Amino acid sequence: MLSGAELDRYARQIVLPQFGGAGQAKLKASHVAIIGAGGIGCPAITYLAAVGVGTLTIVDDDRVEISNLHRQPLFTDADIGASKAEVAAKAAQRINPHVATAPTIAHLDADNAESLLAGASLILDGCDNFASRLAVNRAAVALRIPLLSAAIGAFEGQVALYEGWRADSPCYACLVGDDPAREGMNCAETGVMGALAGMVGTMAALEAVRALTGWGRSLAGRLAIIDMLDRRWREVGVPADPECPVCGG
């Protein structure tokens, strides 16, 4: 049940006929686990809190560094050295006191992924290393939790929704393979345009709301690619791999 204060707070989205009070109630009952309070996580946390997702678990073992500040606006100079998960959780509650937050200072890996993610309605993965992304994907398939995966580098961003436990639906490994030794790139190596993180993180939050409440066309099995060097947007299908070691067969 939404309180009077919540009805006032969310009035401009409740009035949308495709969303309505039923959509808002679904958000309030939802639990999103966010992996990484970085360039993608900061804008995603901002908007998931603002729109009224009931519970946000924020998983990150990093501390704020000065090089984060150009793309992670939940943090300021005063936060340098502090836990990203804890600072982001406090910021989310300042944005919306109706949202419960659970900061989790932990490095997610294959050993703890399922225990950290169990109980979530949706996982939003914005972490910065390939091994953790694969661990998140395996846990999402095992737990049957939708996985919204978002990534950025230089001037390009990607957002996709995976439901790999469903028949004929891909998981993240169907796209990239499942080799944790595969070399990945990060922002320290490739660089990244600061505002791109805001764009992709906000898009990830919007797709999370769509997945949780069911309006519009689902992104499941699709990869949205944004190239802001030349302002190009495209979307491609991701086929399920019948030989995938995570979800195949």
Protein backbone atom coordinates (compact mmCIF):
# COMPACT_ATOMS: atom_id res chain seq x y z
CA MET A 1 0.00 0.00 0.00
CA LEU A 2 1.33 3.42 -0.98
CA SER A 3 1.16 6.16 1.63
CA GLY A 4 -0.19 9.62 0.88
CA ALA A 5 3.36 10.98 0.83
CA GLU A 6 4.39 8.33 -1.68
CA LEU A 7 1.39 9.04 -3.90
CA ASP A 8 2.41 12.71 -3.96
CA ARG A 9 6.08 11.90 -4.58
CA TYR A 10 5.42 9.58 -7.52
CA ALA A 11 2.39 11.39 -8.97
CA ARG A 12 4.04 12.30 -12.27
CA GLN A 13 4.78 8.66 -13.12
CA ILE A 14 1.61 7.18 -11.59
CA VAL A 15 -0.39 9.34 -14.00
CA LEU A 16 1.18 7.50 -16.95
CA PRO A 17 -1.52 5.09 -18.19
CA GLN A 18 1.09 2.46 -19.12
CA PHE A 19 2.43 2.51 -15.56
CA GLY A 20 -0.15 3.71 -13.05
CA GLY A 21 -0.58 2.85 -9.40
CA ALA A 22 -0.10 -0.85 -10.12
CA GLY A 23 3.34 -0.17 -11.57
CA GLN A 24 4.29 1.94 -8.56
CA ALA A 25 3.17 -0.79 -6.19
CA LYS A 26 5.31 -3.31 -8.09
CA LEU A 27 8.34 -1.03 -7.72
CA LYS A 28 7.76 -0.66 -4.00
CA ALA A 29 7.67 -4.45 -3.64
CA SER A 30 10.84 -4.90 -5.73
CA HIS A 31 14.41 -5.53 -4.63
CA VAL A 32 17.22 -4.59 -7.01
CA ALA A 33 20.78 -5.75 -6.40
CA ILE A 34 23.26 -3.31 -7.95
CA ILE A 35 26.75 -4.64 -8.60
CA GLY A 36 29.19 -1.74 -8.56
CA ALA A 37 28.59 1.80 -7.29
CA GLY A 38 30.71 3.28 -10.05
CA GLY A 39 30.06 5.11 -13.31
CA ILE A 40 26.98 3.04 -14.13
CA GLY A 41 25.94 2.35 -10.56
CA CYS A 42 25.81 5.99 -9.41
CA PRO A 43 23.18 7.23 -11.90
CA ALA A 44 21.31 3.93 -11.70
CA ILE A 45 21.14 4.15 -7.89
CA THR A 46 20.01 7.78 -8.14
CA TYR A 47 17.03 7.01 -10.34
CA LEU A 48 16.08 3.65 -8.87
CA ALA A 49 15.87 5.37 -5.50
CA ALA A 50 14.02 8.37 -6.91
CA VAL A 51 11.36 6.31 -8.71
CA GLY A 52 10.62 4.22 -5.61
CA VAL A 53 12.20 0.78 -5.87
CA GLY A 54 11.54 -0.67 -2.41
CA THR A 55 14.96 -2.13 -1.61
CA LEU A 56 18.39 -1.49 -3.09
CA THR A 57 21.31 -3.77 -2.28
CA ILE A 58 24.57 -2.09 -3.32
CA VAL A 59 27.55 -4.43 -3.68
CA ASP A 60 31.00 -2.83 -3.97
CA ASP A 61 34.26 -3.25 -2.08
CA ASP A 62 35.98 -0.18 -3.59
CA ARG A 63 36.65 3.16 -1.96
CA VAL A 64 36.12 6.56 -3.54
CA GLU A 65 39.10 7.93 -5.47
CA ILE A 66 39.53 11.37 -6.98
CA SER A 67 39.59 9.88 -10.50
CA ASN A 68 36.01 8.64 -9.93
CA LEU A 69 34.49 12.06 -9.44
CA HIS A 70 34.07 13.14 -13.08
CA ARG A 71 31.56 10.33 -13.74
CA GLN A 72 30.26 9.24 -10.31
CA PRO A 73 28.28 12.24 -9.03
CA LEU A 74 26.98 10.59 -5.87
CA PHE A 75 30.48 11.23 -4.48
CA THR A 76 32.36 14.43 -3.61
CA ASP A 77 35.89 15.29 -2.54
CA ALA A 78 34.77 14.82 1.06
CA ASP A 79 34.05 11.14 0.31
CA ILE A 80 37.54 10.26 -0.96
CA GLY A 81 38.70 7.15 0.86
CA ALA A 82 35.21 6.18 2.03
CA SER A 83 33.34 3.01 1.08
CA LYS A 84 31.46 3.48 -2.20
CA ALA A 85 28.68 1.14 -1.12
CA GLU A 86 28.08 2.99 2.14
CA VAL A 87 28.24 6.49 0.66
CA ALA A 88 25.93 5.49 -2.21
CA ALA A 89 23.44 3.90 0.19
CA LYS A 90 23.28 7.05 2.31
CA ALA A 91 22.84 9.17 -0.82
CA ALA A 92 19.97 6.94 -1.99
CA GLN A 93 18.17 7.44 1.31
CA ARG A 94 18.68 11.20 1.11
CA ILE A 95 17.07 11.08 -2.33
CA ASN A 96 14.13 9.01 -1.12
CA PRO A 97 13.55 8.08 2.55
CA HIS A 98 10.94 5.51 1.49
CA VAL A 99 13.65 3.28 -0.01
CA ALA A 100 15.50 0.69 2.08
CA THR A 101 19.19 0.26 1.31
CA ALA A 102 21.64 -2.52 2.10
CA PRO A 103 25.27 -1.55 1.44
CA THR A 104 27.41 -4.65 1.03
CA ILE A 105 31.16 -4.14 1.18
CA ALA A 106 32.31 -7.27 -0.61
CA HIS A 107 34.13 -8.37 -3.72
CA LEU A 108 31.62 -10.48 -5.62
CA ASP A 109 33.08 -13.68 -7.05
CA ALA A 110 32.07 -17.20 -8.01
CA ASP A 111 32.08 -18.33 -4.38
CA ASN A 112 29.75 -15.72 -2.92
CA ALA A 113 27.64 -14.49 -5.87
CA GLU A 114 24.58 -16.61 -5.18
CA SER A 115 24.49 -15.79 -1.47
CA LEU A 116 24.88 -12.06 -2.16
CA LEU A 117 22.17 -11.98 -4.85
CA ALA A 118 19.56 -14.39 -3.50
CA GLY A 119 16.21 -12.72 -2.93
CA ALA A 120 16.62 -9.93 -5.50
CA SER A 121 13.86 -9.25 -8.01
CA LEU A 122 16.43 -8.05 -10.56
CA ILE A 123 20.21 -7.71 -10.75
CA LEU A 124 21.76 -4.62 -12.32
CA ASP A 125 25.40 -5.32 -13.12
CA GLY A 126 27.66 -2.33 -13.73
CA CYS A 127 30.90 -3.80 -12.39
CA ASP A 128 34.26 -3.19 -14.02
CA ASN A 129 35.79 -6.65 -14.36
CA PHE A 130 35.02 -9.62 -16.54
CA ALA A 131 35.38 -12.35 -13.90
CA SER A 132 32.76 -10.73 -11.66
CA ARG A 133 30.37 -10.27 -14.58
CA LEU A 134 30.60 -13.97 -15.36
CA ALA A 135 30.02 -14.86 -11.70
CA VAL A 136 26.97 -12.59 -11.61
CA ASN A 137 25.64 -14.20 -14.77
CA ARG A 138 26.04 -17.74 -13.43
CA ALA A 139 24.28 -16.76 -10.21
CA ALA A 140 21.46 -15.01 -12.11
CA VAL A 141 20.79 -18.14 -14.18
CA ALA A 142 20.98 -20.43 -11.13
CA LEU A 143 18.67 -18.19 -9.08
CA ARG A 144 16.38 -17.40 -12.02
CA ILE A 145 16.73 -13.65 -11.55
CA PRO A 146 16.65 -11.26 -14.54
CA LEU A 147 20.09 -9.74 -15.20
CA LEU A 148 20.36 -6.24 -16.58
CA SER A 149 23.94 -5.83 -17.77
CA ALA A 150 25.40 -2.41 -18.58
CA ALA A 151 28.89 -1.41 -19.64
CA ILE A 152 30.76 1.67 -20.84
CA GLY A 153 34.12 2.45 -22.38
CA ALA A 154 35.50 5.52 -24.14
CA PHE A 155 32.41 6.86 -26.01
CA GLU A 156 30.35 3.65 -26.21
CA GLY A 157 27.82 2.05 -23.92
CA GLN A 158 25.82 -1.17 -23.92
CA VAL A 159 22.71 -2.30 -22.06
CA ALA A 160 21.08 -5.73 -22.27
CA LEU A 161 18.59 -7.84 -20.32
CA TYR A 162 19.27 -11.57 -19.88
CA GLU A 163 16.89 -14.27 -18.64
CA GLY A 164 19.06 -17.28 -19.38
CA TRP A 165 17.00 -19.86 -17.48
CA ARG A 166 14.08 -19.41 -19.90
CA ALA A 167 13.80 -21.61 -22.99
CA ASP A 168 15.41 -20.00 -26.07
CA SER A 169 16.52 -16.97 -24.03
CA PRO A 170 20.23 -16.09 -23.87
CA CYS A 171 22.40 -15.42 -20.86
CA TYR A 172 25.38 -13.06 -20.76
CA ALA A 173 27.77 -15.93 -21.52
CA CYS A 174 25.92 -16.62 -24.79
CA LEU A 175 27.25 -13.25 -25.96
CA VAL A 176 30.77 -13.19 -24.51
CA GLY A 177 31.65 -16.75 -23.52
CA ASP A 178 32.40 -18.01 -20.02
CA ASP A 179 36.19 -17.81 -19.70
CA PRO A 180 37.12 -15.77 -16.59
CA ALA A 181 40.71 -15.57 -17.85
CA ARG A 182 39.59 -13.55 -20.87
CA GLU A 183 41.20 -10.13 -20.91
CA GLY A 184 38.86 -7.24 -20.30
CA MET A 185 39.22 -3.50 -20.60
CA ASN A 186 38.43 -0.95 -17.92
CA CYS A 187 38.06 2.80 -17.75
CA ALA A 188 41.61 3.27 -16.44
CA GLU A 189 42.91 1.73 -19.68
CA THR A 190 40.41 2.96 -22.26
CA GLY A 191 39.24 6.22 -20.68
CA VAL A 192 35.59 7.21 -20.58
CA MET A 193 33.58 10.36 -21.24
CA GLY A 194 32.01 11.29 -17.92
CA ALA A 195 28.51 12.16 -19.11
CA LEU A 196 28.31 8.86 -21.02
CA ALA A 197 28.25 7.05 -17.67
CA GLY A 198 25.23 9.12 -16.67
CA MET A 199 23.45 8.33 -19.93
CA VAL A 200 24.05 4.58 -19.79
CA GLY A 201 23.43 4.27 -16.05
CA THR A 202 20.15 6.15 -16.37
CA MET A 203 19.15 3.99 -19.34
CA ALA A 204 19.92 0.91 -17.24
CA ALA A 205 17.69 2.25 -14.45
CA LEU A 206 14.88 2.88 -16.93
CA GLU A 207 15.17 -0.65 -18.33
CA ALA A 208 15.18 -2.02 -14.79
CA VAL A 209 11.89 -0.22 -14.12
CA ARG A 210 10.49 -1.60 -17.39
CA ALA A 211 11.52 -5.15 -16.50
CA LEU A 212 10.07 -4.89 -12.99
CA THR A 213 6.73 -3.41 -14.01
CA GLY A 214 6.14 -4.63 -17.56
CA TRP A 215 5.38 -1.56 -19.66
CA GLY A 216 6.52 -1.23 -23.27
CA ARG A 217 8.69 -3.66 -25.22
CA SER A 218 11.02 -5.82 -23.12
CA LEU A 219 14.76 -5.64 -23.73
CA ALA A 220 15.10 -9.37 -22.95
CA GLY A 221 17.40 -11.03 -25.46
CA ARG A 222 18.37 -7.67 -26.98
CA LEU A 223 21.55 -5.60 -26.78
CA ALA A 224 21.23 -1.83 -27.05
CA ILE A 225 24.46 -0.17 -28.23
CA ILE A 226 25.12 3.56 -27.94
CA ASP A 227 28.02 5.18 -29.79
CA MET A 228 28.19 8.80 -28.69
CA LEU A 229 31.31 9.62 -30.67
CA ASP A 230 29.06 9.83 -33.73
CA ARG A 231 25.65 9.81 -31.97
CA ARG A 232 24.58 6.40 -33.25
CA TRP A 233 22.07 4.11 -31.56
CA ARG A 234 21.32 0.52 -32.54
CA GLU A 235 19.79 -2.62 -31.11
CA VAL A 236 20.62 -6.20 -31.99
CA GLY A 237 19.27 -9.56 -30.99
CA VAL A 238 21.40 -11.91 -28.88
CA PRO A 239 20.68 -15.55 -29.78
CA ALA A 240 20.70 -18.27 -27.15
CA ASP A 241 23.73 -20.54 -27.56
CA PRO A 242 22.64 -24.20 -27.27
CA GLU A 243 26.24 -25.07 -26.32
CA CYS A 244 26.54 -22.37 -23.66
CA PRO A 245 28.17 -23.84 -20.54
CA VAL A 246 25.94 -21.73 -18.30
CA CYS A 247 22.45 -21.93 -19.79
CA GLY A 248 22.73 -24.31 -22.78
CA GLY A 249 20.71 -27.50 -22.78
